[in-house]
Amino acid sequence: MDVDAYVTAHQGEWRRLDQLARRRRRLSGAEADELVGLYQRVATHLSVIQSSSPDAALVAHLSTLVARARAAVAGSHTPARKDIARFFTDVYPAAVYRAAPWWVSVGVVFLLVSYVVGVWVGTHPSVQASIATKREVRQLVDHDFQHYYSSNPAGSFAAQVATNNAWVTALVLAFGVLILPVLWILWTNALNVGIDGGLMAAGGKTDLFFGLILPHGLLELTCVFIASGAGLRLGWAWIDPGPRSRSQALMQTGLAAGAIAIGLACTLAVSGVLEAFVTPSELPTWARVAIGTSVWASFLSYVFVLGGRAARGGETGAVSGAGATDTAPVAA
C-alpha cells in the first residue's frame, strides 16, 4: 500500500475528527453524528495501516486520535456484557479465521502423518510386536480403548478432559515462539493417534476406532490444530516480522493468540462434553458421529462466516489489554 497516497486521501477526515473530538461538549446534533461516523472510519484507517504497511509515527498519531474520539463518543467504558458479546461474535472468530492458513496446514500434515503411521503399524506385525505384546494389544483392542471413555462418571470425565485439552492448548501457544516444542507435541500426538488406529485396524476394530474418535475428535483435534497454528504463527512473527518491527509483530500476533486461547478454552469445554456424554453413550454409531459432525460443522461455519465477515470489516482478532491500540473498525 502507498502510505503517502493513503494519508493524502484521508488526512482531511483525520483533521476534522480531531476538531470534533476536542469540542465534544459543544457539538450540535449533526456534529455529534458526524463525530461517530468519522470515529468509525478513522478506526478502520488505523487497522488498514497496521495490517498493510505500518508506519510507527502514523500509527501512534492515529491511535491517539482514535482513543480521544472514542472517549468523546462513549464517555465511559463499554459494559462488560457487550465486551463479552463482541469477543465471541467478532474478536475470537476473526482471530481464528486470520490464522486459518496456519492451522489448516497443521491439520493436513497431522492427519497425513497419523494415516501413514496407522497403515504402517496396521500392516506390519513386527511393528506391532515392537510396540506391545500380543496380550497387551488384545487388551487394548478388546477392552481398554473403549473402556477409557466410560471409566469415570460423565461429569467428572468431561471436566478432566476439558482441563487436559486446555493444558495442551496452553502449551502449544506458550511455546509457539520457540516453534520446535510445538512440532514435537504435534508429532507425538499424531504418532499416538496413528499407533492406536493401526492396532485397532489390525485387530479388526476399525469401525469401533472411528466410532469412538469422530464424535468428539473432530472438534477436539481442530482445536489442537488451531492452537498449534496460532503458536507457530507467533514464532514465525519473531523470525519474519515483515514490514513491522519485531516487537510490534510479536505484540499484534500475541494479542490475537491471546484471543484464540480464551476462545478455545470454551470450545474445548464443548468437546469435553461430547467426549463424556456422546462418545460412550448407547446411541448407534451413526447417531454419535452425526452429532459430533454437526457440532464440528457448526464451529467451522462460525469461524468462516462470522470470523470472515469480521476480518473483512477490519477486525484484527486482538484481545484488548495493555499495550493494545484501539483498532475496532466498524465502517469504511
C-alpha atoms as a PDB file:
ATOM      1  CA  MET A   1       0.000   0.000   0.000  1.00  0.00           C
ATOM      2  CA  ASP A   2       1.195   3.539  -0.808  1.00  0.00           C
ATOM      3  CA  VAL A   3       1.127   5.152   2.645  1.00  0.00           C
ATOM      4  CA  ASP A   4       1.669   8.685   1.327  1.00  0.00           C
ATOM      5  CA  ALA A   5      -1.272   8.387  -1.063  1.00  0.00           C
ATOM      6  CA  TYR A   6      -3.426   6.922   1.724  1.00  0.00           C
ATOM      7  CA  VAL A   7      -2.541   9.819   4.049  1.00  0.00           C
ATOM      8  CA  THR A   8      -3.300  12.364   1.337  1.00  0.00           C
ATOM      9  CA  ALA A   9      -6.682  10.776   0.659  1.00  0.00           C
ATOM     10  CA  HIS A  10      -7.797  10.700   4.319  1.00  0.00           C
ATOM     11  CA  GLN A  11      -5.946  13.399   6.248  1.00  0.00           C
ATOM     12  CA  GLY A  12      -8.887  15.807   5.850  1.00  0.00           C
ATOM     13  CA  GLU A  13     -11.117  13.353   7.743  1.00  0.00           C
ATOM     14  CA  TRP A  14      -8.468  12.958  10.422  1.00  0.00           C
ATOM     15  CA  ARG A  15      -8.204  16.712  10.956  1.00  0.00           C
ATOM     16  CA  ARG A  16     -11.974  17.037  11.117  1.00  0.00           C
ATOM     17  CA  LEU A  17     -12.221  14.207  13.661  1.00  0.00           C
ATOM     18  CA  ASP A  18      -9.559  15.879  15.786  1.00  0.00           C
ATOM     19  CA  GLN A  19     -11.519  19.140  15.739  1.00  0.00           C
ATOM     20  CA  LEU A  20     -14.789  17.473  16.725  1.00  0.00           C
ATOM     21  CA  ALA A  21     -13.185  15.341  19.460  1.00  0.00           C
ATOM     22  CA  ARG A  22     -11.673  18.432  21.080  1.00  0.00           C
ATOM     23  CA  ARG A  23     -15.075  20.190  21.037  1.00  0.00           C
ATOM     24  CA  ARG A  24     -17.050  17.196  22.266  1.00  0.00           C
ATOM     25  CA  ARG A  25     -19.045  19.139  24.870  1.00  0.00           C
ATOM     26  CA  ARG A  26     -20.085  21.853  22.413  1.00  0.00           C
ATOM     27  CA  LEU A  27     -21.380  19.831  19.447  1.00  0.00           C
ATOM     28  CA  SER A  28     -24.683  20.136  17.686  1.00  0.00           C
ATOM     29  CA  GLY A  29     -26.737  17.035  16.916  1.00  0.00           C
ATOM     30  CA  ALA A  30     -25.430  16.907  13.355  1.00  0.00           C
ATOM     31  CA  GLU A  31     -21.837  17.324  14.538  1.00  0.00           C
ATOM     32  CA  ALA A  32     -22.270  14.528  17.078  1.00  0.00           C
ATOM     33  CA  ASP A  33     -23.453  12.210  14.310  1.00  0.00           C
ATOM     34  CA  GLU A  34     -20.509  13.314  12.182  1.00  0.00           C
ATOM     35  CA  LEU A  35     -18.148  12.563  15.078  1.00  0.00           C
ATOM     36  CA  VAL A  36     -19.450   8.988  15.376  1.00  0.00           C
ATOM     37  CA  GLY A  37     -19.158   8.349  11.655  1.00  0.00           C
ATOM     38  CA  LEU A  38     -15.641   9.768  11.456  1.00  0.00           C
ATOM     39  CA  TYR A  39     -14.554   7.765  14.503  1.00  0.00           C
ATOM     40  CA  GLN A  40     -15.679   4.550  12.824  1.00  0.00           C
ATOM     41  CA  ARG A  41     -13.959   5.375   9.539  1.00  0.00           C
ATOM     42  CA  VAL A  42     -10.681   6.508  11.114  1.00  0.00           C
ATOM     43  CA  ALA A  43     -10.593   3.383  13.294  1.00  0.00           C
ATOM     44  CA  THR A  44     -10.775   1.407  10.055  1.00  0.00           C
ATOM     45  CA  HIS A  45      -7.987   3.524   8.557  1.00  0.00           C
ATOM     46  CA  LEU A  46      -5.827   2.697  11.577  1.00  0.00           C
ATOM     47  CA  SER A  47      -6.492  -1.016  11.164  1.00  0.00           C
ATOM     48  CA  VAL A  48      -5.635  -0.896   7.456  1.00  0.00           C
ATOM     49  CA  ILE A  49      -2.340   0.883   8.098  1.00  0.00           C
ATOM     50  CA  GLN A  50      -1.380  -1.509  10.904  1.00  0.00           C
ATOM     51  CA  SER A  51      -2.040  -4.622   8.840  1.00  0.00           C
ATOM     52  CA  SER A  52      -0.778  -3.466   5.450  1.00  0.00           C
ATOM     53  CA  SER A  53       2.193  -1.168   5.854  1.00  0.00           C
ATOM     54  CA  PRO A  54       2.639   0.013   9.436  1.00  0.00           C
ATOM     55  CA  ASP A  55       4.369   3.342   9.943  1.00  0.00           C
ATOM     56  CA  ALA A  56       5.244   3.782  13.636  1.00  0.00           C
ATOM     57  CA  ALA A  57       4.720   7.547  13.751  1.00  0.00           C
ATOM     58  CA  LEU A  58       1.481   7.428  11.779  1.00  0.00           C
ATOM     59  CA  VAL A  59       0.130   4.512  13.841  1.00  0.00           C
ATOM     60  CA  ALA A  60       0.906   6.379  17.070  1.00  0.00           C
ATOM     61  CA  HIS A  61      -0.817   9.547  15.793  1.00  0.00           C
ATOM     62  CA  LEU A  62      -3.945   7.714  14.649  1.00  0.00           C
ATOM     63  CA  SER A  63      -4.079   5.582  17.802  1.00  0.00           C
ATOM     64  CA  THR A  64      -4.114   8.739  19.920  1.00  0.00           C
ATOM     65  CA  LEU A  65      -6.739  10.324  17.689  1.00  0.00           C
ATOM     66  CA  VAL A  66      -8.993   7.266  17.751  1.00  0.00           C
ATOM     67  CA  ALA A  67      -8.639   6.924  21.535  1.00  0.00           C
ATOM     68  CA  ARG A  68      -9.612  10.580  22.008  1.00  0.00           C
ATOM     69  CA  ALA A  69     -12.561  10.181  19.665  1.00  0.00           C
ATOM     70  CA  ARG A  70     -13.710   7.032  21.428  1.00  0.00           C
ATOM     71  CA  ALA A  71     -13.699   8.874  24.750  1.00  0.00           C
ATOM     72  CA  ALA A  72     -15.748  11.637  23.142  1.00  0.00           C
ATOM     73  CA  VAL A  73     -18.237   9.185  21.641  1.00  0.00           C
ATOM     74  CA  ALA A  74     -18.596   6.741  24.537  1.00  0.00           C
ATOM     75  CA  GLY A  75     -17.716   8.806  27.550  1.00  0.00           C
ATOM     76  CA  SER A  76     -17.348   5.629  29.605  1.00  0.00           C
ATOM     77  CA  HIS A  77     -16.179   2.048  29.214  1.00  0.00           C
ATOM     78  CA  THR A  78     -18.364  -0.380  27.307  1.00  0.00           C
ATOM     79  CA  PRO A  79     -20.307  -2.640  29.698  1.00  0.00           C
ATOM     80  CA  ALA A  80     -18.639  -5.990  30.292  1.00  0.00           C
ATOM     81  CA  ARG A  81     -21.518  -7.939  28.758  1.00  0.00           C
ATOM     82  CA  LYS A  82     -21.064  -6.046  25.477  1.00  0.00           C
ATOM     83  CA  ASP A  83     -17.332  -6.737  25.551  1.00  0.00           C
ATOM     84  CA  ILE A  84     -18.047 -10.431  26.035  1.00  0.00           C
ATOM     85  CA  ALA A  85     -20.629 -10.489  23.254  1.00  0.00           C
ATOM     86  CA  ARG A  86     -18.269  -8.699  20.866  1.00  0.00           C
ATOM     87  CA  PHE A  87     -15.471 -11.108  21.767  1.00  0.00           C
ATOM     88  CA  PHE A  88     -17.498 -14.142  20.717  1.00  0.00           C
ATOM     89  CA  THR A  89     -19.152 -12.566  17.672  1.00  0.00           C
ATOM     90  CA  ASP A  90     -16.131 -10.710  16.263  1.00  0.00           C
ATOM     91  CA  VAL A  91     -12.779 -10.994  18.031  1.00  0.00           C
ATOM     92  CA  TYR A  92     -12.429 -14.754  18.576  1.00  0.00           C
ATOM     93  CA  PRO A  93     -13.794 -15.965  15.213  1.00  0.00           C
ATOM     94  CA  ALA A  94     -11.785 -13.290  13.370  1.00  0.00           C
ATOM     95  CA  ALA A  95      -8.587 -14.361  15.152  1.00  0.00           C
ATOM     96  CA  VAL A  96      -9.169 -17.999  14.177  1.00  0.00           C
ATOM     97  CA  TYR A  97     -10.140 -17.003  10.630  1.00  0.00           C
ATOM     98  CA  ARG A  98      -6.992 -14.911  10.130  1.00  0.00           C
ATOM     99  CA  ALA A  99      -4.839 -17.799  11.373  1.00  0.00           C
ATOM    100  CA  ALA A 100      -6.578 -20.324   9.077  1.00  0.00           C
ATOM    101  CA  PRO A 101      -3.661 -20.816   6.641  1.00  0.00           C
ATOM    102  CA  TRP A 102      -1.543 -21.922   9.593  1.00  0.00           C
ATOM    103  CA  TRP A 103      -3.919 -24.273  11.383  1.00  0.00           C
ATOM    104  CA  VAL A 104      -5.374 -25.809   8.216  1.00  0.00           C
ATOM    105  CA  SER A 105      -1.811 -26.653   7.118  1.00  0.00           C
ATOM    106  CA  VAL A 106      -1.077 -28.115  10.553  1.00  0.00           C
ATOM    107  CA  GLY A 107      -4.233 -30.238  10.349  1.00  0.00           C
ATOM    108  CA  VAL A 108      -3.432 -31.612   6.900  1.00  0.00           C
ATOM    109  CA  VAL A 109       0.121 -32.607   7.899  1.00  0.00           C
ATOM    110  CA  PHE A 110      -1.048 -34.070  11.235  1.00  0.00           C
ATOM    111  CA  LEU A 111      -3.697 -36.266   9.595  1.00  0.00           C
ATOM    112  CA  LEU A 112      -1.299 -37.357   6.866  1.00  0.00           C
ATOM    113  CA  VAL A 113       1.315 -38.401   9.433  1.00  0.00           C
ATOM    114  CA  SER A 114      -1.323 -40.228  11.509  1.00  0.00           C
ATOM    115  CA  TYR A 115      -2.577 -42.073   8.422  1.00  0.00           C
ATOM    116  CA  VAL A 116       0.910 -43.147   7.317  1.00  0.00           C
ATOM    117  CA  VAL A 117       1.797 -44.335  10.838  1.00  0.00           C
ATOM    118  CA  GLY A 118      -1.553 -46.134  11.145  1.00  0.00           C
ATOM    119  CA  VAL A 119      -1.097 -48.006   7.864  1.00  0.00           C
ATOM    120  CA  TRP A 120       2.485 -48.891   8.760  1.00  0.00           C
ATOM    121  CA  VAL A 121       1.511 -50.255  12.197  1.00  0.00           C
ATOM    122  CA  GLY A 122      -1.637 -51.987  10.958  1.00  0.00           C
ATOM    123  CA  THR A 123       0.091 -53.866   8.125  1.00  0.00           C
ATOM    124  CA  HIS A 124       3.344 -54.881   9.846  1.00  0.00           C
ATOM    125  CA  PRO A 125       3.022 -57.471  12.650  1.00  0.00           C
ATOM    126  CA  SER A 126       6.687 -56.950  13.522  1.00  0.00           C
ATOM    127  CA  VAL A 127       5.998 -53.278  14.268  1.00  0.00           C
ATOM    128  CA  GLN A 128       3.019 -54.237  16.410  1.00  0.00           C
ATOM    129  CA  ALA A 129       5.226 -56.688  18.331  1.00  0.00           C
ATOM    130  CA  SER A 130       7.781 -53.946  18.984  1.00  0.00           C
ATOM    131  CA  ILE A 131       5.072 -51.704  20.460  1.00  0.00           C
ATOM    132  CA  ALA A 132       3.461 -54.213  22.838  1.00  0.00           C
ATOM    133  CA  THR A 133       2.971 -57.917  23.437  1.00  0.00           C
ATOM    134  CA  LYS A 134       0.101 -59.709  21.737  1.00  0.00           C
ATOM    135  CA  ARG A 135      -1.720 -59.888  25.064  1.00  0.00           C
ATOM    136  CA  GLU A 136      -1.346 -56.138  25.627  1.00  0.00           C
ATOM    137  CA  VAL A 137      -2.503 -55.379  22.102  1.00  0.00           C
ATOM    138  CA  ARG A 138      -5.551 -57.615  22.530  1.00  0.00           C
ATOM    139  CA  GLN A 139      -6.326 -55.907  25.856  1.00  0.00           C
ATOM    140  CA  LEU A 140      -6.219 -52.509  24.143  1.00  0.00           C
ATOM    141  CA  VAL A 141      -8.324 -53.595  21.182  1.00  0.00           C
ATOM    142  CA  ASP A 142     -10.941 -55.586  23.088  1.00  0.00           C
ATOM    143  CA  HIS A 143     -11.262 -53.534  26.252  1.00  0.00           C
ATOM    144  CA  ASP A 144      -9.056 -50.567  27.127  1.00  0.00           C
ATOM    145  CA  PHE A 145      -9.705 -48.302  24.135  1.00  0.00           C
ATOM    146  CA  GLN A 146     -13.474 -48.433  24.534  1.00  0.00           C
ATOM    147  CA  HIS A 147     -13.464 -48.572  28.347  1.00  0.00           C
ATOM    148  CA  TYR A 148     -11.440 -45.340  28.573  1.00  0.00           C
ATOM    149  CA  TYR A 149     -14.460 -43.232  27.619  1.00  0.00           C
ATOM    150  CA  SER A 150     -16.675 -44.678  30.353  1.00  0.00           C
ATOM    151  CA  SER A 151     -14.059 -45.197  33.068  1.00  0.00           C
ATOM    152  CA  ASN A 152     -15.313 -42.268  35.164  1.00  0.00           C
ATOM    153  CA  PRO A 153     -18.674 -40.586  35.798  1.00  0.00           C
ATOM    154  CA  ALA A 154     -19.515 -38.439  32.778  1.00  0.00           C
ATOM    155  CA  GLY A 155     -19.481 -35.118  34.637  1.00  0.00           C
ATOM    156  CA  SER A 156     -16.045 -35.564  36.191  1.00  0.00           C
ATOM    157  CA  PHE A 157     -14.701 -37.080  32.972  1.00  0.00           C
ATOM    158  CA  ALA A 158     -15.857 -34.029  30.987  1.00  0.00           C
ATOM    159  CA  ALA A 159     -14.088 -31.699  33.411  1.00  0.00           C
ATOM    160  CA  GLN A 160     -10.935 -33.844  33.317  1.00  0.00           C
ATOM    161  CA  VAL A 161     -10.888 -33.945  29.512  1.00  0.00           C
ATOM    162  CA  ALA A 162     -11.524 -30.216  29.137  1.00  0.00           C
ATOM    163  CA  THR A 163      -8.775 -29.421  31.641  1.00  0.00           C
ATOM    164  CA  ASN A 164      -6.274 -31.711  29.917  1.00  0.00           C
ATOM    165  CA  ASN A 165      -7.077 -30.345  26.464  1.00  0.00           C
ATOM    166  CA  ALA A 166      -6.883 -26.761  27.699  1.00  0.00           C
ATOM    167  CA  TRP A 167      -3.451 -27.587  29.132  1.00  0.00           C
ATOM    168  CA  VAL A 168      -2.219 -28.982  25.796  1.00  0.00           C
ATOM    169  CA  THR A 169      -3.600 -25.899  24.051  1.00  0.00           C
ATOM    170  CA  ALA A 170      -1.869 -23.591  26.514  1.00  0.00           C
ATOM    171  CA  LEU A 171       1.421 -25.436  25.982  1.00  0.00           C
ATOM    172  CA  VAL A 172       1.455 -25.119  22.203  1.00  0.00           C
ATOM    173  CA  LEU A 173       0.507 -21.454  22.437  1.00  0.00           C
ATOM    174  CA  ALA A 174       3.049 -20.681  25.147  1.00  0.00           C
ATOM    175  CA  PHE A 175       5.895 -22.496  23.371  1.00  0.00           C
ATOM    176  CA  GLY A 176       4.873 -21.300  19.909  1.00  0.00           C
ATOM    177  CA  VAL A 177       7.560 -18.638  19.804  1.00  0.00           C
ATOM    178  CA  LEU A 178      10.154 -21.447  20.089  1.00  0.00           C
ATOM    179  CA  ILE A 179       8.478 -23.475  17.267  1.00  0.00           C
ATOM    180  CA  LEU A 180      10.308 -26.788  17.942  1.00  0.00           C
ATOM    181  CA  PRO A 181       8.333 -27.700  21.119  1.00  0.00           C
ATOM    182  CA  VAL A 182       5.088 -27.255  19.172  1.00  0.00           C
ATOM    183  CA  LEU A 183       6.334 -29.527  16.391  1.00  0.00           C
ATOM    184  CA  TRP A 184       7.341 -32.131  18.994  1.00  0.00           C
ATOM    185  CA  ILE A 185       3.916 -32.046  20.691  1.00  0.00           C
ATOM    186  CA  LEU A 186       2.184 -32.382  17.319  1.00  0.00           C
ATOM    187  CA  TRP A 187       4.460 -35.260  16.298  1.00  0.00           C
ATOM    188  CA  THR A 188       3.871 -37.241  19.492  1.00  0.00           C
ATOM    189  CA  ASN A 189       0.107 -36.759  19.285  1.00  0.00           C
ATOM    190  CA  ALA A 190      -0.003 -37.714  15.587  1.00  0.00           C
ATOM    191  CA  LEU A 191       2.124 -40.766  16.388  1.00  0.00           C
ATOM    192  CA  ASN A 192      -0.220 -41.849  19.193  1.00  0.00           C
ATOM    193  CA  VAL A 193      -3.317 -41.453  17.028  1.00  0.00           C
ATOM    194  CA  GLY A 194      -1.672 -43.442  14.232  1.00  0.00           C
ATOM    195  CA  ILE A 195      -0.489 -46.223  16.539  1.00  0.00           C
ATOM    196  CA  ASP A 196      -3.893 -46.604  18.206  1.00  0.00           C
ATOM    197  CA  GLY A 197      -5.635 -46.592  14.835  1.00  0.00           C
ATOM    198  CA  GLY A 198      -3.181 -49.105  13.373  1.00  0.00           C
ATOM    199  CA  LEU A 199      -3.537 -51.507  16.293  1.00  0.00           C
ATOM    200  CA  MET A 200      -7.335 -51.262  16.230  1.00  0.00           C
ATOM    201  CA  ALA A 201      -7.370 -51.852  12.457  1.00  0.00           C
ATOM    202  CA  ALA A 202      -5.087 -54.871  12.820  1.00  0.00           C
ATOM    203  CA  GLY A 203      -7.495 -56.251  15.413  1.00  0.00           C
ATOM    204  CA  GLY A 204     -10.486 -55.813  13.102  1.00  0.00           C
ATOM    205  CA  LYS A 205     -11.916 -52.876  15.090  1.00  0.00           C
ATOM    206  CA  THR A 206     -11.539 -50.029  12.591  1.00  0.00           C
ATOM    207  CA  ASP A 207     -15.263 -49.212  12.851  1.00  0.00           C
ATOM    208  CA  LEU A 208     -15.029 -49.063  16.649  1.00  0.00           C
ATOM    209  CA  PHE A 209     -11.964 -46.801  16.461  1.00  0.00           C
ATOM    210  CA  PHE A 210     -13.648 -44.221  14.227  1.00  0.00           C
ATOM    211  CA  GLY A 211     -16.972 -44.627  16.022  1.00  0.00           C
ATOM    212  CA  LEU A 212     -15.310 -43.564  19.269  1.00  0.00           C
ATOM    213  CA  ILE A 213     -12.896 -40.959  17.869  1.00  0.00           C
ATOM    214  CA  LEU A 214     -15.086 -38.985  15.493  1.00  0.00           C
ATOM    215  CA  PRO A 215     -17.930 -37.797  17.818  1.00  0.00           C
ATOM    216  CA  HIS A 216     -15.579 -35.628  19.868  1.00  0.00           C
ATOM    217  CA  GLY A 217     -12.303 -35.868  17.955  1.00  0.00           C
ATOM    218  CA  LEU A 218     -13.369 -33.717  15.013  1.00  0.00           C
ATOM    219  CA  LEU A 219     -13.804 -30.667  17.253  1.00  0.00           C
ATOM    220  CA  GLU A 220     -11.041 -31.603  19.701  1.00  0.00           C
ATOM    221  CA  LEU A 221      -8.363 -32.097  17.056  1.00  0.00           C
ATOM    222  CA  THR A 222      -9.462 -28.937  15.248  1.00  0.00           C
ATOM    223  CA  CYS A 223      -8.871 -27.027  18.493  1.00  0.00           C
ATOM    224  CA  VAL A 224      -5.404 -28.557  18.773  1.00  0.00           C
ATOM    225  CA  PHE A 225      -4.684 -27.587  15.164  1.00  0.00           C
ATOM    226  CA  ILE A 226      -5.865 -24.014  15.779  1.00  0.00           C
ATOM    227  CA  ALA A 227      -3.760 -23.637  18.917  1.00  0.00           C
ATOM    228  CA  SER A 228      -0.722 -25.127  17.210  1.00  0.00           C
ATOM    229  CA  GLY A 229      -1.168 -22.946  14.134  1.00  0.00           C
ATOM    230  CA  ALA A 230      -1.521 -19.836  16.288  1.00  0.00           C
ATOM    231  CA  GLY A 231       1.604 -20.825  18.228  1.00  0.00           C
ATOM    232  CA  LEU A 232       3.641 -21.395  15.077  1.00  0.00           C
ATOM    233  CA  ARG A 233       2.347 -18.136  13.625  1.00  0.00           C
ATOM    234  CA  LEU A 234       3.596 -16.363  16.738  1.00  0.00           C
ATOM    235  CA  GLY A 235       7.007 -17.981  16.354  1.00  0.00           C
ATOM    236  CA  TRP A 236       7.171 -17.035  12.690  1.00  0.00           C
ATOM    237  CA  ALA A 237       6.314 -13.416  13.558  1.00  0.00           C
ATOM    238  CA  TRP A 238       9.576 -13.369  15.504  1.00  0.00           C
ATOM    239  CA  ILE A 239      11.569 -14.870  12.629  1.00  0.00           C
ATOM    240  CA  ASP A 240       9.949 -12.845   9.839  1.00  0.00           C
ATOM    241  CA  PRO A 241       8.094  -9.761  11.154  1.00  0.00           C
ATOM    242  CA  GLY A 242       7.576  -8.385   7.643  1.00  0.00           C
ATOM    243  CA  PRO A 243       7.278  -4.602   7.337  1.00  0.00           C
ATOM    244  CA  ARG A 244       6.636  -4.282  11.079  1.00  0.00           C
ATOM    245  CA  SER A 245       9.228  -4.101  13.813  1.00  0.00           C
ATOM    246  CA  ARG A 246       9.840  -7.437  15.557  1.00  0.00           C
ATOM    247  CA  SER A 247       8.331  -6.180  18.817  1.00  0.00           C
ATOM    248  CA  GLN A 248       5.251  -4.847  17.040  1.00  0.00           C
ATOM    249  CA  ALA A 249       4.792  -8.102  15.121  1.00  0.00           C
ATOM    250  CA  LEU A 250       5.032 -10.131  18.331  1.00  0.00           C
ATOM    251  CA  MET A 251       2.622  -7.829  20.136  1.00  0.00           C
ATOM    252  CA  GLN A 252      -0.030  -7.917  17.408  1.00  0.00           C
ATOM    253  CA  THR A 253       0.271 -11.661  16.808  1.00  0.00           C
ATOM    254  CA  GLY A 254       0.419 -12.333  20.542  1.00  0.00           C
ATOM    255  CA  LEU A 255      -2.782 -10.396  21.208  1.00  0.00           C
ATOM    256  CA  ALA A 256      -4.553 -12.477  18.548  1.00  0.00           C
ATOM    257  CA  ALA A 257      -3.111 -15.655  20.103  1.00  0.00           C
ATOM    258  CA  GLY A 258      -4.477 -14.489  23.454  1.00  0.00           C
ATOM    259  CA  ALA A 259      -7.968 -14.195  21.981  1.00  0.00           C
ATOM    260  CA  ILE A 260      -7.624 -17.690  20.497  1.00  0.00           C
ATOM    261  CA  ALA A 261      -6.509 -19.106  23.862  1.00  0.00           C
ATOM    262  CA  ILE A 262      -9.543 -17.665  25.654  1.00  0.00           C
ATOM    263  CA  GLY A 263     -11.964 -18.797  22.963  1.00  0.00           C
ATOM    264  CA  LEU A 264     -10.521 -22.291  22.677  1.00  0.00           C
ATOM    265  CA  ALA A 265     -10.991 -22.850  26.390  1.00  0.00           C
ATOM    266  CA  CYS A 266     -14.741 -22.542  25.793  1.00  0.00           C
ATOM    267  CA  THR A 267     -14.667 -24.590  22.595  1.00  0.00           C
ATOM    268  CA  LEU A 268     -12.730 -27.374  24.300  1.00  0.00           C
ATOM    269  CA  ALA A 269     -15.333 -27.440  27.065  1.00  0.00           C
ATOM    270  CA  VAL A 270     -17.886 -28.340  24.358  1.00  0.00           C
ATOM    271  CA  SER A 271     -15.537 -31.044  23.080  1.00  0.00           C
ATOM    272  CA  GLY A 272     -15.203 -32.392  26.625  1.00  0.00           C
ATOM    273  CA  VAL A 273     -18.982 -32.650  26.946  1.00  0.00           C
ATOM    274  CA  LEU A 274     -19.158 -34.587  23.680  1.00  0.00           C
ATOM    275  CA  GLU A 275     -16.405 -36.943  24.798  1.00  0.00           C
ATOM    276  CA  ALA A 276     -18.034 -37.558  28.174  1.00  0.00           C
ATOM    277  CA  PHE A 277     -21.697 -37.800  27.203  1.00  0.00           C
ATOM    278  CA  VAL A 278     -21.937 -38.623  23.476  1.00  0.00           C
ATOM    279  CA  THR A 279     -18.920 -40.821  22.675  1.00  0.00           C
ATOM    280  CA  PRO A 280     -19.647 -43.523  25.325  1.00  0.00           C
ATOM    281  CA  SER A 281     -23.450 -43.299  25.014  1.00  0.00           C
ATOM    282  CA  GLU A 282     -25.729 -46.134  23.928  1.00  0.00           C
ATOM    283  CA  LEU A 283     -26.703 -44.269  20.762  1.00  0.00           C
ATOM    284  CA  PRO A 284     -25.959 -46.073  17.491  1.00  0.00           C
ATOM    285  CA  THR A 285     -22.617 -45.201  15.935  1.00  0.00           C
ATOM    286  CA  TRP A 286     -24.166 -43.234  13.088  1.00  0.00           C
ATOM    287  CA  ALA A 287     -26.060 -41.030  15.550  1.00  0.00           C
ATOM    288  CA  ARG A 288     -22.995 -40.319  17.686  1.00  0.00           C
ATOM    289  CA  VAL A 289     -20.911 -39.486  14.615  1.00  0.00           C
ATOM    290  CA  ALA A 290     -23.724 -37.312  13.246  1.00  0.00           C
ATOM    291  CA  ILE A 291     -23.869 -35.297  16.487  1.00  0.00           C
ATOM    292  CA  GLY A 292     -20.105 -34.786  16.526  1.00  0.00           C
ATOM    293  CA  THR A 293     -20.043 -33.858  12.838  1.00  0.00           C
ATOM    294  CA  SER A 294     -22.878 -31.361  13.291  1.00  0.00           C
ATOM    295  CA  VAL A 295     -21.142 -29.622  16.186  1.00  0.00           C
ATOM    296  CA  TRP A 296     -17.855 -29.544  14.245  1.00  0.00           C
ATOM    297  CA  ALA A 297     -19.527 -28.164  11.111  1.00  0.00           C
ATOM    298  CA  SER A 298     -21.277 -25.513  13.211  1.00  0.00           C
ATOM    299  CA  PHE A 299     -17.947 -24.404  14.651  1.00  0.00           C
ATOM    300  CA  LEU A 300     -16.344 -24.165  11.204  1.00  0.00           C
ATOM    301  CA  SER A 301     -19.326 -22.162   9.947  1.00  0.00           C
ATOM    302  CA  TYR A 302     -18.994 -19.873  12.961  1.00  0.00           C
ATOM    303  CA  VAL A 303     -15.312 -19.283  12.159  1.00  0.00           C
ATOM    304  CA  PHE A 304     -15.566 -18.832   8.412  1.00  0.00           C
ATOM    305  CA  VAL A 305     -18.881 -16.936   8.306  1.00  0.00           C
ATOM    306  CA  LEU A 306     -18.755 -14.692  11.393  1.00  0.00           C
ATOM    307  CA  GLY A 307     -14.964 -14.620  11.507  1.00  0.00           C
ATOM    308  CA  GLY A 308     -14.627 -13.937   7.806  1.00  0.00           C
ATOM    309  CA  ARG A 309     -17.143 -11.116   7.963  1.00  0.00           C
ATOM    310  CA  ALA A 310     -15.455  -9.543  10.994  1.00  0.00           C
ATOM    311  CA  ALA A 311     -11.992  -9.859   9.420  1.00  0.00           C
ATOM    312  CA  ARG A 312     -13.158  -8.274   6.185  1.00  0.00           C
ATOM    313  CA  GLY A 313     -14.594  -5.445   8.275  1.00  0.00           C
ATOM    314  CA  GLY A 314     -11.139  -4.773   9.730  1.00  0.00           C
ATOM    315  CA  GLU A 315     -11.274  -6.816  12.953  1.00  0.00           C
ATOM    316  CA  THR A 316      -7.721  -7.921  13.791  1.00  0.00           C
ATOM    317  CA  GLY A 317      -8.734 -10.564  16.323  1.00  0.00           C
ATOM    318  CA  ALA A 318      -6.572  -8.960  19.007  1.00  0.00           C
ATOM    319  CA  VAL A 319      -7.878  -9.213  22.557  1.00  0.00           C
ATOM    320  CA  SER A 320      -7.951  -5.847  24.307  1.00  0.00           C
ATOM    321  CA  GLY A 321      -5.387  -5.256  27.007  1.00  0.00           C
ATOM    322  CA  ALA A 322      -2.288  -3.452  27.973  1.00  0.00           C
ATOM    323  CA  GLY A 323      -0.395  -2.239  25.007  1.00  0.00           C
ATOM    324  CA  ALA A 324      -3.246  -2.767  22.601  1.00  0.00           C
ATOM    325  CA  THR A 325      -4.225   0.103  20.411  1.00  0.00           C
ATOM    326  CA  ASP A 326      -7.797   0.899  19.510  1.00  0.00           C
ATOM    327  CA  THR A 327      -8.381  -0.922  16.260  1.00  0.00           C
ATOM    328  CA  ALA A 328     -12.099  -1.586  16.368  1.00  0.00           C
ATOM    329  CA  PRO A 329     -13.260  -0.555  12.900  1.00  0.00           C
ATOM    330  CA  VAL A 330     -16.916  -0.573  12.064  1.00  0.00           C
ATOM    331  CA  ALA A 331     -17.355   1.086   8.690  1.00  0.00           C
ATOM    332  CA  ALA A 332     -15.019   2.098   5.853  1.00  0.00           C
END
